[in-house]
Amino acid sequence: MKTKALHDFLREQSEKMTARWLESRTHEPVSVYSIDAPEDVIEEIREQNQHFIDTIVNLLEDPSADRVSSWAQEIATKRAMSETPLYRSIQQFRRFRVIFWDTVESYISIHKDEITSEDILHWSKNIHSAFDHAIELFTRYYHQVSEARMEAHKTMIYKLTTPIIPISDEIGILPIVGDIDTHRAMLISESAIKKAEQLNLSHIVIDMSGVLLIDTMVAGQLFKMIQMMNLLGIEVTITGIRPEIAQTSIQLGIDFGNLGTFGQLKHALKFLYKEN
């Protein structure tokens, strides 16, 4: 009975707790929690916080009816999409936990003759556990959304930075620059083959002078791309292979002996134009 009365009190104090939390804000660059955030943003986080209070109290009343996950997923997604740093959100959890417990203490002070130390310990344990549960779920979903966005950005950048440059109706150049991991090697392969077919090219020059190091998985993926192009009737010439990359290819058992190879791109182009 005492616990239910506490929960009812917390719901009654929902608006006051949220108002106190909003008043505690400071200037925070790149954060929806900043004191100078637009009015529509402030109203949105006000509603989100009151929903959070209701969610926490519901969890305290009935642990089996856990709606924290859906709240955490929704809010974490919004915070990640707005690029609010994770530590800013964690700071707000910490600030609001203090306000929430202060409200509990005020209830205890009002009903001190009815409440035992066992009641206080029980409430403390459950409330802090509920907050920790919310923070854990929030950080998990934030990480998932951030990782997904990062991968999407990486994919877009990879596609933009590995174009085939047509230099004639039949010949195109594929310059590969920078670090290559297995994921990027797969994207290069997919986009290069598709582009070569669209342009109806008969010869591709892969320039690797901008690549410092590749591992065996990447070398294998690039060799598969070359084999696929050959099956499509596209001849491949490679330029700029560094000694380290050549050594990796040999260790992997990849044979470039049946491909045209040149030390520099200009030498390959001179040879190809002479042939044509």
Protein backbone atom coordinates (compact mmCIF):
# COMPACT_ATOMS: atom_id res chain seq x y z
CA MET A 1 0.00 0.00 0.00
CA LYS A 2 2.81 2.41 0.88
CA THR A 3 4.57 1.60 -2.40
CA LYS A 4 1.46 2.27 -4.46
CA ALA A 5 1.02 5.60 -2.69
CA LEU A 6 4.60 6.48 -3.62
CA HIS A 7 3.98 5.61 -7.27
CA ASP A 8 0.84 7.76 -7.34
CA PHE A 9 2.83 10.61 -5.80
CA LEU A 10 5.56 10.29 -8.45
CA ARG A 11 2.97 10.49 -11.23
CA GLU A 12 1.42 13.58 -9.60
CA GLN A 13 4.86 15.21 -9.47
CA SER A 14 5.68 14.32 -13.10
CA GLU A 15 5.31 17.84 -14.50
CA LYS A 16 7.21 19.41 -11.61
CA MET A 17 10.10 16.97 -11.96
CA THR A 18 10.29 17.62 -15.69
CA ALA A 19 10.17 21.38 -15.17
CA ARG A 20 12.97 21.17 -12.62
CA TRP A 21 15.03 19.05 -15.01
CA LEU A 22 14.53 21.52 -17.87
CA GLU A 23 15.56 24.39 -15.57
CA SER A 24 18.81 22.57 -14.79
CA ARG A 25 19.94 22.67 -18.43
CA THR A 26 23.04 24.57 -19.50
CA HIS A 27 24.46 25.67 -22.85
CA GLU A 28 25.51 22.46 -24.62
CA PRO A 29 26.74 22.69 -28.22
CA VAL A 30 25.41 20.01 -30.59
CA SER A 31 22.77 18.87 -28.13
CA VAL A 32 18.97 18.91 -28.00
CA TYR A 33 19.37 19.39 -24.24
CA SER A 34 20.92 22.84 -24.59
CA ILE A 35 19.16 25.66 -22.74
CA ASP A 36 18.98 27.64 -25.98
CA ALA A 37 17.30 24.83 -27.95
CA PRO A 38 14.28 25.87 -30.09
CA GLU A 39 10.87 25.85 -28.43
CA ASP A 40 9.59 22.90 -30.47
CA VAL A 41 12.61 20.85 -29.37
CA ILE A 42 12.05 21.79 -25.72
CA GLU A 43 8.41 20.76 -25.94
CA GLU A 44 9.39 17.45 -27.51
CA ILE A 45 11.92 16.56 -24.81
CA ARG A 46 9.40 17.66 -22.16
CA GLU A 47 6.92 15.09 -23.48
CA GLN A 48 9.64 12.46 -23.80
CA ASN A 49 10.71 12.96 -20.19
CA GLN A 50 7.19 12.70 -18.84
CA HIS A 51 6.72 9.54 -20.87
CA PHE A 52 9.97 8.30 -19.30
CA ILE A 53 8.61 8.96 -15.80
CA ASP A 54 5.45 7.06 -16.59
CA THR A 55 7.49 4.20 -18.07
CA ILE A 56 9.74 3.97 -15.00
CA VAL A 57 6.83 4.06 -12.56
CA ASN A 58 5.03 1.37 -14.56
CA LEU A 59 8.16 -0.76 -14.36
CA LEU A 60 8.35 -0.24 -10.59
CA GLU A 61 4.72 -1.31 -10.27
CA ASP A 62 4.99 -4.34 -12.53
CA PRO A 63 8.48 -5.51 -13.60
CA SER A 64 6.91 -8.01 -16.01
CA ALA A 65 5.30 -5.16 -18.00
CA ASP A 66 8.61 -3.70 -19.14
CA ARG A 67 8.05 -0.91 -21.68
CA VAL A 68 11.48 0.64 -21.14
CA SER A 69 12.89 -1.05 -24.24
CA SER A 70 10.45 0.63 -26.63
CA TRP A 71 11.02 4.03 -24.99
CA ALA A 72 14.81 3.60 -25.07
CA GLN A 73 14.82 2.51 -28.71
CA GLU A 74 12.70 5.46 -29.83
CA ILE A 75 14.67 8.10 -27.91
CA ALA A 76 18.11 6.61 -28.61
CA THR A 77 17.31 6.60 -32.33
CA LYS A 78 16.31 10.26 -32.21
CA ARG A 79 19.42 11.24 -30.24
CA ALA A 80 21.73 9.36 -32.59
CA MET A 81 20.05 10.83 -35.68
CA SER A 82 20.37 14.34 -34.24
CA GLU A 83 24.07 13.59 -33.54
CA THR A 84 23.69 14.44 -29.86
CA PRO A 85 26.81 12.93 -28.25
CA LEU A 86 26.07 9.87 -26.14
CA TYR A 87 27.76 11.32 -23.06
CA ARG A 88 25.34 14.28 -23.17
CA SER A 89 22.38 11.92 -22.86
CA ILE A 90 24.07 9.99 -20.04
CA GLN A 91 24.57 13.30 -18.21
CA GLN A 92 20.83 13.94 -18.45
CA PHE A 93 20.02 10.51 -17.04
CA ARG A 94 22.32 11.28 -14.11
CA ARG A 95 20.75 14.71 -13.53
CA PHE A 96 17.22 13.43 -13.70
CA ARG A 97 17.96 10.46 -11.43
CA VAL A 98 18.91 12.98 -8.72
CA ILE A 99 15.67 14.92 -9.26
CA PHE A 100 13.62 11.72 -9.23
CA TRP A 101 15.16 10.53 -5.98
CA ASP A 102 14.77 13.99 -4.42
CA THR A 103 11.06 13.64 -5.12
CA VAL A 104 11.04 10.25 -3.42
CA GLU A 105 12.81 11.80 -0.43
CA SER A 106 10.21 14.54 -0.22
CA TYR A 107 7.51 11.84 -0.09
CA ILE A 108 9.44 10.05 2.65
CA SER A 109 9.73 13.31 4.60
CA ILE A 110 5.95 13.88 4.39
CA HIS A 111 5.15 10.33 5.54
CA LYS A 112 8.16 9.68 7.76
CA ASP A 113 6.07 8.24 10.57
CA GLU A 114 4.64 5.54 8.31
CA ILE A 115 7.79 4.54 6.40
CA THR A 116 10.45 2.14 7.62
CA SER A 117 14.11 1.88 6.71
CA GLU A 118 13.25 -1.39 4.92
CA ASP A 119 10.77 0.51 2.73
CA ILE A 120 13.44 3.07 1.82
CA LEU A 121 16.03 0.41 1.00
CA HIS A 122 13.50 -1.46 -1.12
CA TRP A 123 12.54 1.65 -3.07
CA SER A 124 16.15 2.72 -3.52
CA LYS A 125 17.12 -0.67 -4.92
CA ASN A 126 14.21 -0.81 -7.36
CA ILE A 127 14.48 2.79 -8.55
CA HIS A 128 18.22 2.66 -9.22
CA SER A 129 17.82 -0.70 -10.91
CA ALA A 130 15.12 0.77 -13.18
CA PHE A 131 17.30 3.73 -14.13
CA ASP A 132 20.31 1.48 -14.79
CA HIS A 133 18.13 -0.73 -16.96
CA ALA A 134 16.97 2.29 -18.98
CA ILE A 135 20.52 3.60 -19.42
CA GLU A 136 21.79 0.19 -20.54
CA LEU A 137 19.07 -0.17 -23.16
CA PHE A 138 19.48 3.42 -24.31
CA THR A 139 23.25 3.05 -24.87
CA ARG A 140 22.74 -0.27 -26.66
CA TYR A 141 20.23 1.18 -29.12
CA TYR A 142 22.26 4.37 -29.56
CA HIS A 143 25.29 2.26 -30.47
CA GLN A 144 23.28 0.20 -32.96
CA VAL A 145 21.91 3.28 -34.73
CA SER A 146 25.31 5.01 -34.76
CA GLU A 147 26.98 1.90 -36.21
CA ALA A 148 24.32 1.60 -38.91
CA ARG A 149 24.70 5.28 -39.85
CA MET A 150 28.48 4.95 -39.91
CA GLU A 151 28.30 1.93 -42.21
CA ALA A 152 25.89 3.78 -44.51
CA HIS A 153 28.22 6.78 -44.66
CA LYS A 154 31.20 4.50 -45.25
CA THR A 155 29.40 2.75 -48.10
CA MET A 156 28.50 6.06 -49.72
CA ILE A 157 32.06 7.35 -49.40
CA TYR A 158 33.52 4.12 -50.75
CA LYS A 159 31.25 4.26 -53.77
CA LEU A 160 32.12 7.87 -54.44
CA THR A 161 35.86 7.37 -54.06
CA THR A 162 36.23 4.34 -56.37
CA PRO A 163 34.84 5.47 -59.74
CA ILE A 164 35.71 4.04 -63.13
CA ILE A 165 36.97 6.88 -65.30
CA PRO A 166 36.31 6.25 -69.01
CA ILE A 167 39.13 7.65 -71.15
CA SER A 168 37.82 6.28 -74.45
CA ASP A 169 34.86 4.29 -75.75
CA GLU A 170 36.61 1.05 -74.78
CA ILE A 171 39.09 1.85 -72.00
CA GLY A 172 38.43 2.88 -68.40
CA ILE A 173 40.64 3.49 -65.37
CA LEU A 174 39.82 2.28 -61.87
CA PRO A 175 42.06 4.17 -59.41
CA ILE A 176 42.09 2.60 -55.94
CA VAL A 177 43.33 4.93 -53.23
CA GLY A 178 43.73 4.57 -49.47
CA ASP A 179 43.23 1.73 -47.01
CA ILE A 180 41.20 -1.23 -48.20
CA ASP A 181 39.36 -3.63 -45.94
CA THR A 182 37.26 -6.59 -47.03
CA HIS A 183 34.03 -4.57 -46.99
CA ARG A 184 35.48 -1.86 -49.23
CA ALA A 185 37.01 -4.44 -51.56
CA MET A 186 33.55 -5.99 -52.04
CA LEU A 187 32.00 -2.60 -52.77
CA ILE A 188 34.75 -1.76 -55.25
CA SER A 189 34.17 -5.08 -57.01
CA GLU A 190 30.40 -4.66 -57.20
CA SER A 191 30.42 -1.04 -58.38
CA ALA A 192 33.35 -1.50 -60.80
CA ILE A 193 31.80 -4.49 -62.59
CA LYS A 194 28.42 -2.76 -62.83
CA LYS A 195 29.97 0.47 -64.15
CA ALA A 196 32.18 -1.33 -66.67
CA GLU A 197 29.11 -3.07 -68.08
CA GLN A 198 27.11 0.16 -68.23
CA LEU A 199 29.90 1.90 -70.13
CA ASN A 200 30.37 -1.15 -72.37
CA LEU A 201 34.13 -1.10 -71.78
CA SER A 202 36.42 -3.77 -73.15
CA HIS A 203 39.50 -2.90 -71.07
CA ILE A 204 39.96 -1.75 -67.45
CA VAL A 205 43.20 -0.43 -66.02
CA ILE A 206 43.31 -0.90 -62.24
CA ASP A 207 45.79 1.55 -60.76
CA MET A 208 46.93 0.50 -57.27
CA SER A 209 49.73 3.01 -56.79
CA GLY A 210 47.68 4.72 -54.06
CA VAL A 211 47.32 1.51 -52.02
CA LEU A 212 50.01 0.97 -49.38
CA LEU A 213 48.96 -2.38 -47.96
CA ILE A 214 46.31 -5.07 -48.36
CA ASP A 215 45.73 -8.32 -46.52
CA THR A 216 45.09 -11.74 -47.97
CA MET A 217 41.28 -11.43 -47.79
CA VAL A 218 41.34 -8.17 -49.74
CA ALA A 219 43.80 -9.50 -52.32
CA GLY A 220 41.54 -12.50 -52.82
CA GLN A 221 38.47 -10.28 -53.29
CA LEU A 222 40.22 -8.09 -55.87
CA PHE A 223 41.41 -11.16 -57.76
CA LYS A 224 37.81 -12.44 -57.87
CA MET A 225 36.79 -9.09 -59.39
CA ILE A 226 39.43 -9.49 -62.08
CA GLN A 227 38.25 -13.02 -62.83
CA MET A 228 34.64 -11.81 -63.07
CA MET A 229 35.64 -9.07 -65.51
CA ASN A 230 37.51 -11.59 -67.63
CA LEU A 231 34.42 -13.80 -67.76
CA LEU A 232 32.47 -10.75 -69.01
CA GLY A 233 35.02 -10.24 -71.76
CA ILE A 234 36.73 -7.28 -70.11
CA GLU A 235 40.51 -7.34 -70.21
CA VAL A 236 42.29 -6.10 -67.09
CA THR A 237 45.64 -4.39 -66.74
CA ILE A 238 47.14 -3.59 -63.34
CA THR A 239 49.51 -0.75 -62.60
CA GLY A 240 51.36 0.50 -59.54
CA ILE A 241 51.58 -2.77 -57.58
CA ARG A 242 53.92 -2.22 -54.64
CA PRO A 243 56.41 -4.93 -53.64
CA GLU A 244 54.53 -5.58 -50.37
CA ILE A 245 51.26 -6.18 -52.23
CA ALA A 246 52.98 -8.41 -54.78
CA GLN A 247 54.42 -10.47 -51.92
CA THR A 248 51.00 -10.83 -50.28
CA SER A 249 49.53 -11.99 -53.58
CA ILE A 250 52.25 -14.60 -54.04
CA GLN A 251 51.72 -15.90 -50.48
CA LEU A 252 48.02 -16.21 -51.24
CA GLY A 253 48.73 -18.11 -54.42
CA ILE A 254 47.29 -15.43 -56.69
CA ASP A 255 48.93 -15.45 -60.11
CA PHE A 256 49.03 -12.14 -61.96
CA GLY A 257 51.17 -13.71 -64.66
CA ASN A 258 48.35 -13.81 -67.21
CA LEU A 259 47.54 -10.12 -66.66
CA GLY A 260 49.19 -7.08 -68.14
CA THR A 261 51.13 -5.30 -65.41
CA PHE A 262 52.96 -2.00 -65.53
CA GLY A 263 54.88 -0.04 -62.95
CA GLN A 264 53.11 3.24 -63.80
CA LEU A 265 49.73 4.15 -65.23
CA LYS A 266 51.21 6.26 -68.03
CA HIS A 267 53.17 3.27 -69.34
CA ALA A 268 50.03 1.13 -69.46
CA LEU A 269 48.05 3.80 -71.31
CA LYS A 270 50.87 4.35 -73.78
CA PHE A 271 50.93 0.62 -74.52
CA LEU A 272 47.14 0.34 -74.85
CA TYR A 273 46.84 3.30 -77.20
CA LYS A 274 49.68 1.93 -79.30
CA GLU A 275 47.79 -1.37 -79.59
CA ASN A 276 44.60 0.37 -80.59
